[in-house]
Amino acid sequence: RYLPDFIVETADAKYLCETKRASELDAKEVTAKRDAAVKWSRLASENDAKPWKYLLIPHDQTLPNMTLAGLAAKFEQR
């Protein structure tokens, strides 16, 4: 069972947002969750008016001056 840290809906898309410690991004459990979330997002997008996107965000990149658009541009997983 998987629960993302955040789900964010904008006018144009829905985002599954997950933050992880930067040093753990390549861990087997994290990459398995990433792959499953990317697949789920792709399938969910087929049945929704808005596309679903998965963001895997390193903890040290969640800065006060970051926007969702900026995070999506850097950390969307496909």
PDB file of N, CA and C in Angstrom:
ATOM      1  N   ARG A   1       0.843  -1.176   0.000  1.00  0.00           N
ATOM      2  CA  ARG A   1       0.000   0.000   0.000  1.00  0.00           C
ATOM      3  C   ARG A   1       0.889   1.241   0.000  1.00  0.00           C
ATOM      4  N   TYR A   2       0.518   2.219  -0.794  1.00  0.00           N
ATOM      5  CA  TYR A   2       1.343   3.415  -0.948  1.00  0.00           C
ATOM      6  C   TYR A   2       0.490   4.665  -0.759  1.00  0.00           C
ATOM      7  N   LEU A   3       0.966   5.581   0.043  1.00  0.00           N
ATOM      8  CA  LEU A   3       0.328   6.877   0.229  1.00  0.00           C
ATOM      9  C   LEU A   3       1.369   7.957  -0.019  1.00  0.00           C
ATOM     10  N   PRO A   4       1.151   8.812  -1.024  1.00  0.00           N
ATOM     11  CA  PRO A   4       2.122   9.879  -1.277  1.00  0.00           C
ATOM     12  C   PRO A   4       2.080  10.910  -0.163  1.00  0.00           C
ATOM     13  N   ASP A   5       3.137  11.709  -0.075  1.00  0.00           N
ATOM     14  CA  ASP A   5       3.173  12.779   0.926  1.00  0.00           C
ATOM     15  C   ASP A   5       2.086  13.820   0.667  1.00  0.00           C
ATOM     16  N   PHE A   6       1.919  14.186  -0.609  1.00  0.00           N
ATOM     17  CA  PHE A   6       0.954  15.220  -0.975  1.00  0.00           C
ATOM     18  C   PHE A   6       0.311  14.887  -2.313  1.00  0.00           C
ATOM     19  N   ILE A   7      -0.935  15.284  -2.463  1.00  0.00           N
ATOM     20  CA  ILE A   7      -1.591  15.314  -3.768  1.00  0.00           C
ATOM     21  C   ILE A   7      -1.992  16.762  -3.988  1.00  0.00           C
ATOM     22  N   VAL A   8      -1.576  17.302  -5.121  1.00  0.00           N
ATOM     23  CA  VAL A   8      -1.854  18.699  -5.439  1.00  0.00           C
ATOM     24  C   VAL A   8      -2.614  18.736  -6.755  1.00  0.00           C
ATOM     25  N   GLU A   9      -3.721  19.475  -6.771  1.00  0.00           N
ATOM     26  CA  GLU A   9      -4.478  19.650  -8.003  1.00  0.00           C
ATOM     27  C   GLU A   9      -4.399  21.107  -8.437  1.00  0.00           C
ATOM     28  N   THR A  10      -4.058  21.304  -9.702  1.00  0.00           N
ATOM     29  CA  THR A  10      -4.032  22.639 -10.290  1.00  0.00           C
ATOM     30  C   THR A  10      -5.109  22.705 -11.367  1.00  0.00           C
ATOM     31  N   ALA A  11      -5.202  23.807 -12.040  1.00  0.00           N
ATOM     32  CA  ALA A  11      -6.185  23.952 -13.114  1.00  0.00           C
ATOM     33  C   ALA A  11      -5.910  22.985 -14.261  1.00  0.00           C
ATOM     34  N   ASP A  12      -4.640  22.573 -14.414  1.00  0.00           N
ATOM     35  CA  ASP A  12      -4.257  21.770 -15.570  1.00  0.00           C
ATOM     36  C   ASP A  12      -3.852  20.334 -15.276  1.00  0.00           C
ATOM     37  N   ALA A  13      -3.545  19.995 -14.030  1.00  0.00           N
ATOM     38  CA  ALA A  13      -3.014  18.655 -13.739  1.00  0.00           C
ATOM     39  C   ALA A  13      -3.217  18.297 -12.271  1.00  0.00           C
ATOM     40  N   LYS A  14      -2.948  17.022 -11.992  1.00  0.00           N
ATOM     41  CA  LYS A  14      -2.933  16.518 -10.618  1.00  0.00           C
ATOM     42  C   LYS A  14      -1.552  15.924 -10.387  1.00  0.00           C
ATOM     43  N   TYR A  15      -0.999  16.170  -9.206  1.00  0.00           N
ATOM     44  CA  TYR A  15       0.366  15.751  -8.905  1.00  0.00           C
ATOM     45  C   TYR A  15       0.408  14.868  -7.664  1.00  0.00           C
ATOM     46  N   LEU A  16       1.061  13.740  -7.785  1.00  0.00           N
ATOM     47  CA  LEU A  16       1.456  12.948  -6.627  1.00  0.00           C
ATOM     48  C   LEU A  16       2.833  13.456  -6.267  1.00  0.00           C
ATOM     49  N   CYS A  17       3.001  13.981  -5.079  1.00  0.00           N
ATOM     50  CA  CYS A  17       4.273  14.574  -4.671  1.00  0.00           C
ATOM     51  C   CYS A  17       4.863  13.774  -3.516  1.00  0.00           C
ATOM     52  N   GLU A  18       6.081  13.347  -3.689  1.00  0.00           N
ATOM     53  CA  GLU A  18       6.774  12.553  -2.677  1.00  0.00           C
ATOM     54  C   GLU A  18       8.127  13.205  -2.410  1.00  0.00           C
ATOM     55  N   THR A  19       8.424  13.447  -1.150  1.00  0.00           N
ATOM     56  CA  THR A  19       9.744  13.940  -0.786  1.00  0.00           C
ATOM     57  C   THR A  19      10.520  12.803  -0.133  1.00  0.00           C
ATOM     58  N   LYS A  20      11.778  12.720  -0.484  1.00  0.00           N
ATOM     59  CA  LYS A  20      12.667  11.695   0.077  1.00  0.00           C
ATOM     60  C   LYS A  20      14.018  12.323   0.376  1.00  0.00           C
ATOM     61  N   ARG A  21      14.689  11.759   1.364  1.00  0.00           N
ATOM     62  CA  ARG A  21      16.049  12.197   1.654  1.00  0.00           C
ATOM     63  C   ARG A  21      16.885  12.027   0.385  1.00  0.00           C
ATOM     64  N   ALA A  22      17.646  13.024   0.031  1.00  0.00           N
ATOM     65  CA  ALA A  22      18.430  13.005  -1.210  1.00  0.00           C
ATOM     66  C   ALA A  22      19.331  11.771  -1.288  1.00  0.00           C
ATOM     67  N   SER A  23      19.885  11.360  -0.179  1.00  0.00           N
ATOM     68  CA  SER A  23      20.788  10.197  -0.176  1.00  0.00           C
ATOM     69  C   SER A  23      20.060   8.873  -0.368  1.00  0.00           C
ATOM     70  N   GLU A  24      18.718   8.878  -0.304  1.00  0.00           N
ATOM     71  CA  GLU A  24      17.942   7.645  -0.442  1.00  0.00           C
ATOM     72  C   GLU A  24      17.238   7.509  -1.787  1.00  0.00           C
ATOM     73  N   LEU A  25      17.424   8.454  -2.691  1.00  0.00           N
ATOM     74  CA  LEU A  25      16.695   8.437  -3.957  1.00  0.00           C
ATOM     75  C   LEU A  25      16.974   7.205  -4.798  1.00  0.00           C
ATOM     76  N   ASP A  26      18.146   6.617  -4.674  1.00  0.00           N
ATOM     77  CA  ASP A  26      18.492   5.440  -5.458  1.00  0.00           C
ATOM     78  C   ASP A  26      18.269   4.134  -4.707  1.00  0.00           C
ATOM     79  N   ALA A  27      17.699   4.207  -3.513  1.00  0.00           N
ATOM     80  CA  ALA A  27      17.436   2.997  -2.735  1.00  0.00           C
ATOM     81  C   ALA A  27      16.389   2.142  -3.449  1.00  0.00           C
ATOM     82  N   LYS A  28      16.523   0.852  -3.309  1.00  0.00           N
ATOM     83  CA  LYS A  28      15.651  -0.096  -4.007  1.00  0.00           C
ATOM     84  C   LYS A  28      14.171   0.160  -3.704  1.00  0.00           C
ATOM     85  N   GLU A  29      13.834   0.394  -2.449  1.00  0.00           N
ATOM     86  CA  GLU A  29      12.440   0.637  -2.073  1.00  0.00           C
ATOM     87  C   GLU A  29      11.912   1.919  -2.709  1.00  0.00           C
ATOM     88  N   VAL A  30      12.740   2.953  -2.747  1.00  0.00           N
ATOM     89  CA  VAL A  30      12.320   4.236  -3.322  1.00  0.00           C
ATOM     90  C   VAL A  30      12.143   4.107  -4.835  1.00  0.00           C
ATOM     91  N   THR A  31      13.056   3.444  -5.507  1.00  0.00           N
ATOM     92  CA  THR A  31      12.926   3.295  -6.962  1.00  0.00           C
ATOM     93  C   THR A  31      11.732   2.412  -7.318  1.00  0.00           C
ATOM     94  N   ALA A  32      11.437   1.414  -6.494  1.00  0.00           N
ATOM     95  CA  ALA A  32      10.264   0.566  -6.744  1.00  0.00           C
ATOM     96  C   ALA A  32       8.979   1.384  -6.597  1.00  0.00           C
ATOM     97  N   LYS A  33       8.907   2.208  -5.558  1.00  0.00           N
ATOM     98  CA  LYS A  33       7.735   3.073  -5.372  1.00  0.00           C
ATOM     99  C   LYS A  33       7.627   4.073  -6.518  1.00  0.00           C
ATOM    100  N   ARG A  34       8.758   4.618  -6.926  1.00  0.00           N
ATOM    101  CA  ARG A  34       8.770   5.573  -8.047  1.00  0.00           C
ATOM    102  C   ARG A  34       8.201   4.931  -9.304  1.00  0.00           C
ATOM    103  N   ASP A  35       8.681   3.746  -9.623  1.00  0.00           N
ATOM    104  CA  ASP A  35       8.224   3.064 -10.834  1.00  0.00           C
ATOM    105  C   ASP A  35       6.725   2.763 -10.770  1.00  0.00           C
ATOM    106  N   ALA A  36       6.254   2.332  -9.603  1.00  0.00           N
ATOM    107  CA  ALA A  36       4.829   2.043  -9.439  1.00  0.00           C
ATOM    108  C   ALA A  36       3.992   3.326  -9.543  1.00  0.00           C
ATOM    109  N   ALA A  37       4.471   4.412  -8.971  1.00  0.00           N
ATOM    110  CA  ALA A  37       3.732   5.676  -9.009  1.00  0.00           C
ATOM    111  C   ALA A  37       3.681   6.249 -10.425  1.00  0.00           C
ATOM    112  N   VAL A  38       4.755   6.116 -11.163  1.00  0.00           N
ATOM    113  CA  VAL A  38       4.779   6.579 -12.554  1.00  0.00           C
ATOM    114  C   VAL A  38       3.767   5.782 -13.371  1.00  0.00           C
ATOM    115  N   LYS A  39       3.758   4.475 -13.178  1.00  0.00           N
ATOM    116  CA  LYS A  39       2.813   3.621 -13.906  1.00  0.00           C
ATOM    117  C   LYS A  39       1.375   3.971 -13.516  1.00  0.00           C
ATOM    118  N   TRP A  40       1.127   4.133 -12.216  1.00  0.00           N
ATOM    119  CA  TRP A  40      -0.212   4.484 -11.753  1.00  0.00           C
ATOM    120  C   TRP A  40      -0.644   5.813 -12.355  1.00  0.00           C
ATOM    121  N   SER A  41       0.237   6.794 -12.365  1.00  0.00           N
ATOM    122  CA  SER A  41      -0.089   8.114 -12.910  1.00  0.00           C
ATOM    123  C   SER A  41      -0.467   8.026 -14.377  1.00  0.00           C
ATOM    124  N   ARG A  42       0.268   7.213 -15.108  1.00  0.00           N
ATOM    125  CA  ARG A  42      -0.014   7.033 -16.534  1.00  0.00           C
ATOM    126  C   ARG A  42      -1.408   6.431 -16.716  1.00  0.00           C
ATOM    127  N   LEU A  43      -1.714   5.391 -15.945  1.00  0.00           N
ATOM    128  CA  LEU A  43      -3.022   4.735 -16.053  1.00  0.00           C
ATOM    129  C   LEU A  43      -4.146   5.644 -15.577  1.00  0.00           C
ATOM    130  N   ALA A  44      -3.943   6.364 -14.479  1.00  0.00           N
ATOM    131  CA  ALA A  44      -4.968   7.274 -13.957  1.00  0.00           C
ATOM    132  C   ALA A  44      -5.264   8.394 -14.949  1.00  0.00           C
ATOM    133  N   SER A  45      -4.258   8.829 -15.673  1.00  0.00           N
ATOM    134  CA  SER A  45      -4.428   9.907 -16.648  1.00  0.00           C
ATOM    135  C   SER A  45      -5.352   9.499 -17.786  1.00  0.00           C
ATOM    136  N   GLU A  46      -5.414   8.204 -18.073  1.00  0.00           N
ATOM    137  CA  GLU A  46      -6.273   7.717 -19.149  1.00  0.00           C
ATOM    138  C   GLU A  46      -7.753   7.855 -18.793  1.00  0.00           C
ATOM    139  N   ASN A  47      -8.058   7.892 -17.502  1.00  0.00           N
ATOM    140  CA  ASN A  47      -9.441   7.907 -17.042  1.00  0.00           C
ATOM    141  C   ASN A  47      -9.819   9.199 -16.321  1.00  0.00           C
ATOM    142  N   ASP A  48      -9.065  10.247 -16.537  1.00  0.00           N
ATOM    143  CA  ASP A  48      -9.310  11.511 -15.845  1.00  0.00           C
ATOM    144  C   ASP A  48      -9.206  12.650 -16.852  1.00  0.00           C
ATOM    145  N   ALA A  49      -9.935  13.704 -16.605  1.00  0.00           N
ATOM    146  CA  ALA A  49      -9.884  14.867 -17.500  1.00  0.00           C
ATOM    147  C   ALA A  49      -8.537  15.586 -17.419  1.00  0.00           C
ATOM    148  N   LYS A  50      -7.867  15.448 -16.272  1.00  0.00           N
ATOM    149  CA  LYS A  50      -6.559  16.086 -16.082  1.00  0.00           C
ATOM    150  C   LYS A  50      -5.481  15.007 -15.999  1.00  0.00           C
ATOM    151  N   PRO A  51      -4.299  15.291 -16.533  1.00  0.00           N
ATOM    152  CA  PRO A  51      -3.212  14.318 -16.399  1.00  0.00           C
ATOM    153  C   PRO A  51      -2.691  14.259 -14.968  1.00  0.00           C
ATOM    154  N   TRP A  52      -2.293  13.071 -14.562  1.00  0.00           N
ATOM    155  CA  TRP A  52      -1.628  12.860 -13.277  1.00  0.00           C
ATOM    156  C   TRP A  52      -0.134  12.828 -13.534  1.00  0.00           C
ATOM    157  N   LYS A  53       0.620  13.446 -12.628  1.00  0.00           N
ATOM    158  CA  LYS A  53       2.083  13.482 -12.743  1.00  0.00           C
ATOM    159  C   LYS A  53       2.677  13.123 -11.391  1.00  0.00           C
ATOM    160  N   TYR A  54       3.832  12.479 -11.424  1.00  0.00           N
ATOM    161  CA  TYR A  54       4.496  12.055 -10.192  1.00  0.00           C
ATOM    162  C   TYR A  54       5.782  12.849 -10.020  1.00  0.00           C
ATOM    163  N   LEU A  55       5.914  13.495  -8.859  1.00  0.00           N
ATOM    164  CA  LEU A  55       7.126  14.250  -8.543  1.00  0.00           C
ATOM    165  C   LEU A  55       7.843  13.560  -7.393  1.00  0.00           C
ATOM    166  N   LEU A  56       9.099  13.234  -7.600  1.00  0.00           N
ATOM    167  CA  LEU A  56       9.960  12.683  -6.552  1.00  0.00           C
ATOM    168  C   LEU A  56      10.977  13.776  -6.233  1.00  0.00           C
ATOM    169  N   ILE A  57      10.795  14.400  -5.089  1.00  0.00           N
ATOM    170  CA  ILE A  57      11.527  15.620  -4.753  1.00  0.00           C
ATOM    171  C   ILE A  57      12.532  15.343  -3.642  1.00  0.00           C
ATOM    172  N   PRO A  58      13.826  15.595  -3.897  1.00  0.00           N
ATOM    173  CA  PRO A  58      14.819  15.458  -2.831  1.00  0.00           C
ATOM    174  C   PRO A  58      14.522  16.443  -1.697  1.00  0.00           C
ATOM    175  N   HIS A  59      14.694  15.988  -0.478  1.00  0.00           N
ATOM    176  CA  HIS A  59      14.341  16.819   0.687  1.00  0.00           C
ATOM    177  C   HIS A  59      15.056  18.165   0.693  1.00  0.00           C
ATOM    178  N   ASP A  60      16.263  18.193   0.182  1.00  0.00           N
ATOM    179  CA  ASP A  60      17.034  19.432   0.225  1.00  0.00           C
ATOM    180  C   ASP A  60      16.668  20.407  -0.901  1.00  0.00           C
ATOM    181  N   GLN A  61      15.660  20.059  -1.689  1.00  0.00           N
ATOM    182  CA  GLN A  61      15.201  20.938  -2.761  1.00  0.00           C
ATOM    183  C   GLN A  61      13.851  21.581  -2.447  1.00  0.00           C
ATOM    184  N   THR A  62      13.314  21.302  -1.290  1.00  0.00           N
ATOM    185  CA  THR A  62      12.041  21.920  -0.889  1.00  0.00           C
ATOM    186  C   THR A  62      12.359  23.242  -0.187  1.00  0.00           C
ATOM    187  N   LEU A  63      12.602  24.229  -0.994  1.00  0.00           N
ATOM    188  CA  LEU A  63      13.018  25.546  -0.514  1.00  0.00           C
ATOM    189  C   LEU A  63      11.837  26.510  -0.516  1.00  0.00           C
ATOM    190  N   PRO A  64      11.852  27.514   0.351  1.00  0.00           N
ATOM    191  CA  PRO A  64      10.724  28.457   0.435  1.00  0.00           C
ATOM    192  C   PRO A  64      10.419  29.186  -0.872  1.00  0.00           C
ATOM    193  N   ASN A  65      11.410  29.352  -1.724  1.00  0.00           N
ATOM    194  CA  ASN A  65      11.185  30.108  -2.953  1.00  0.00           C
ATOM    195  C   ASN A  65      10.798  29.224  -4.143  1.00  0.00           C
ATOM    196  N   MET A  66      10.607  27.928  -3.937  1.00  0.00           N
ATOM    197  CA  MET A  66      10.241  27.026  -5.026  1.00  0.00           C
ATOM    198  C   MET A  66       8.736  27.070  -5.254  1.00  0.00           C
ATOM    199  N   THR A  67       8.351  27.006  -6.516  1.00  0.00           N
ATOM    200  CA  THR A  67       6.933  26.908  -6.873  1.00  0.00           C
ATOM    201  C   THR A  67       6.645  25.480  -7.301  1.00  0.00           C
ATOM    202  N   LEU A  68       5.375  25.129  -7.362  1.00  0.00           N
ATOM    203  CA  LEU A  68       5.013  23.803  -7.858  1.00  0.00           C
ATOM    204  C   LEU A  68       5.482  23.637  -9.297  1.00  0.00           C
ATOM    205  N   ALA A  69       5.331  24.666 -10.106  1.00  0.00           N
ATOM    206  CA  ALA A  69       5.781  24.590 -11.501  1.00  0.00           C
ATOM    207  C   ALA A  69       7.289  24.344 -11.572  1.00  0.00           C
ATOM    208  N   GLY A  70       8.043  25.003 -10.724  1.00  0.00           N
ATOM    209  CA  GLY A  70       9.490  24.800 -10.700  1.00  0.00           C
ATOM    210  C   GLY A  70       9.861  23.400 -10.249  1.00  0.00           C
ATOM    211  N   LEU A  71       9.182  22.899  -9.223  1.00  0.00           N
ATOM    212  CA  LEU A  71       9.441  21.534  -8.761  1.00  0.00           C
ATOM    213  C   LEU A  71       9.066  20.518  -9.834  1.00  0.00           C
ATOM    214  N   ALA A  72       7.940  20.736 -10.494  1.00  0.00           N
ATOM    215  CA  ALA A  72       7.506  19.810 -11.551  1.00  0.00           C
ATOM    216  C   ALA A  72       8.499  19.796 -12.706  1.00  0.00           C
ATOM    217  N   ALA A  73       8.998  20.958 -13.080  1.00  0.00           N
ATOM    218  CA  ALA A  73       9.965  21.031 -14.185  1.00  0.00           C
ATOM    219  C   ALA A  73      11.245  20.271 -13.864  1.00  0.00           C
ATOM    220  N   LYS A  74      11.648  20.268 -12.605  1.00  0.00           N
ATOM    221  CA  LYS A  74      12.900  19.619 -12.219  1.00  0.00           C
ATOM    222  C   LYS A  74      12.736  18.160 -11.825  1.00  0.00           C
ATOM    223  N   PHE A  75      11.584  17.791 -11.231  1.00  0.00           N
ATOM    224  CA  PHE A  75      11.501  16.496 -10.568  1.00  0.00           C
ATOM    225  C   PHE A  75      10.381  15.580 -11.045  1.00  0.00           C
ATOM    226  N   GLU A  76       9.708  15.928 -12.131  1.00  0.00           N
ATOM    227  CA  GLU A  76       8.682  15.005 -12.648  1.00  0.00           C
ATOM    228  C   GLU A  76       9.359  13.723 -13.124  1.00  0.00           C
ATOM    229  N   GLN A  77       8.796  12.602 -12.728  1.00  0.00           N
ATOM    230  CA  GLN A  77       9.308  11.287 -13.119  1.00  0.00           C
ATOM    231  C   GLN A  77       8.413  10.734 -14.223  1.00  0.00           C
ATOM    232  N   ARG A  78       9.054  10.227 -15.254  1.00  0.00           N
ATOM    233  CA  ARG A  78       8.292   9.680 -16.402  1.00  0.00           C
ATOM    234  C   ARG A  78       8.686   8.271 -16.679  1.00  0.00           C
TER     235      ARG A  78
END
